[in-house]
Amino acid sequence: MPQKDPCQKQACAIQKCLQENKYAERMCVDVIRDMRRCCEVQGGNSICCSGFKDPKSTENKSST
C-alpha cells in the first residue's frame, strides 16, 4: 500500500484557502508558510513539494 504524502494536508489547505479567497495569495500566507515548512523537512519524501518553489531561489533570480 502506498504511503500517504507527508505534505498533502498542507497542499490541500492551500487549495482550499485559495478557492475560498478568490485566489488572493495574500489571504493564504499562513497556509503557504506551513507548506514551505513541510517541504523543508519532507521535501524528498513529498511529491507535493516537487513543484513548490523556494522563495529564496525566486528572490535571487529577480534581483539579477
Protein backbone atom coordinates (compact mmCIF):
# COMPACT_ATOMS: atom_id res chain seq x y z
CA MET A 1 0.00 0.00 0.00
CA PRO A 2 1.48 3.37 -0.98
CA GLN A 3 2.43 5.77 1.77
CA LYS A 4 0.44 8.98 2.15
CA ASP A 5 2.30 12.10 1.04
CA PRO A 6 3.55 13.86 4.20
CA CYS A 7 2.71 17.33 2.83
CA GLN A 8 -0.62 16.50 1.20
CA LYS A 9 -2.57 18.02 4.09
CA GLN A 10 -0.79 21.36 3.63
CA ALA A 11 -1.19 21.26 -0.16
CA CYS A 12 -4.93 20.69 0.20
CA ALA A 13 -5.16 23.51 2.75
CA ILE A 14 -3.57 25.88 0.22
CA GLN A 15 -6.07 24.91 -2.47
CA LYS A 16 -8.99 25.31 -0.08
CA CYS A 17 -7.78 28.71 1.15
CA LEU A 18 -7.17 29.99 -2.37
CA GLN A 19 -10.61 28.87 -3.54
CA GLU A 20 -12.31 30.46 -0.53
CA ASN A 21 -10.44 33.74 -1.10
CA LYS A 22 -10.84 34.02 -4.89
CA TYR A 23 -7.19 33.07 -5.40
CA ALA A 24 -5.77 36.02 -3.46
CA GLU A 25 -2.44 34.59 -2.28
CA ARG A 26 -2.03 37.35 0.31
CA MET A 27 -5.02 35.87 2.15
CA CYS A 28 -3.31 32.47 2.43
CA VAL A 29 0.13 33.43 3.70
CA ASP A 30 -0.13 31.22 6.79
CA VAL A 31 -1.05 28.03 4.93
CA ILE A 32 1.61 28.70 2.30
CA ARG A 33 4.15 29.14 5.10
CA ASP A 34 3.04 25.79 6.57
CA MET A 35 3.61 24.13 3.19
CA ARG A 36 7.10 25.65 2.93
CA ARG A 37 7.94 24.30 6.39
CA CYS A 38 6.70 20.85 5.47
CA CYS A 39 8.72 20.89 2.25
CA GLU A 40 11.85 21.92 4.14
CA VAL A 41 11.50 18.84 6.32
CA GLN A 42 9.86 16.34 3.95
CA GLY A 43 10.79 17.65 0.51
CA GLY A 44 12.49 14.46 -0.60
CA ASN A 45 9.56 12.36 0.58
CA SER A 46 6.75 14.52 -0.79
CA ILE A 47 5.57 14.65 -4.39
CA CYS A 48 3.53 17.73 -3.42
CA CYS A 49 6.77 19.64 -2.89
CA SER A 50 8.14 18.89 -6.36
CA GLY A 51 6.51 21.98 -7.86
CA PHE A 52 6.60 24.19 -4.80
CA LYS A 53 9.14 26.98 -5.24
CA ASP A 54 11.57 28.06 -2.58
CA PRO A 55 11.04 31.82 -2.05
CA LYS A 56 14.78 32.37 -1.65
CA SER A 57 15.53 30.98 -5.10
CA THR A 58 12.91 33.22 -6.76
CA GLU A 59 14.16 36.28 -4.87
CA ASN A 60 17.70 35.67 -6.09
CA LYS A 61 16.55 35.31 -9.70
CA SER A 62 14.53 38.52 -9.66
CA SER A 63 17.38 40.60 -8.24
CA THR A 64 19.80 39.70 -11.06
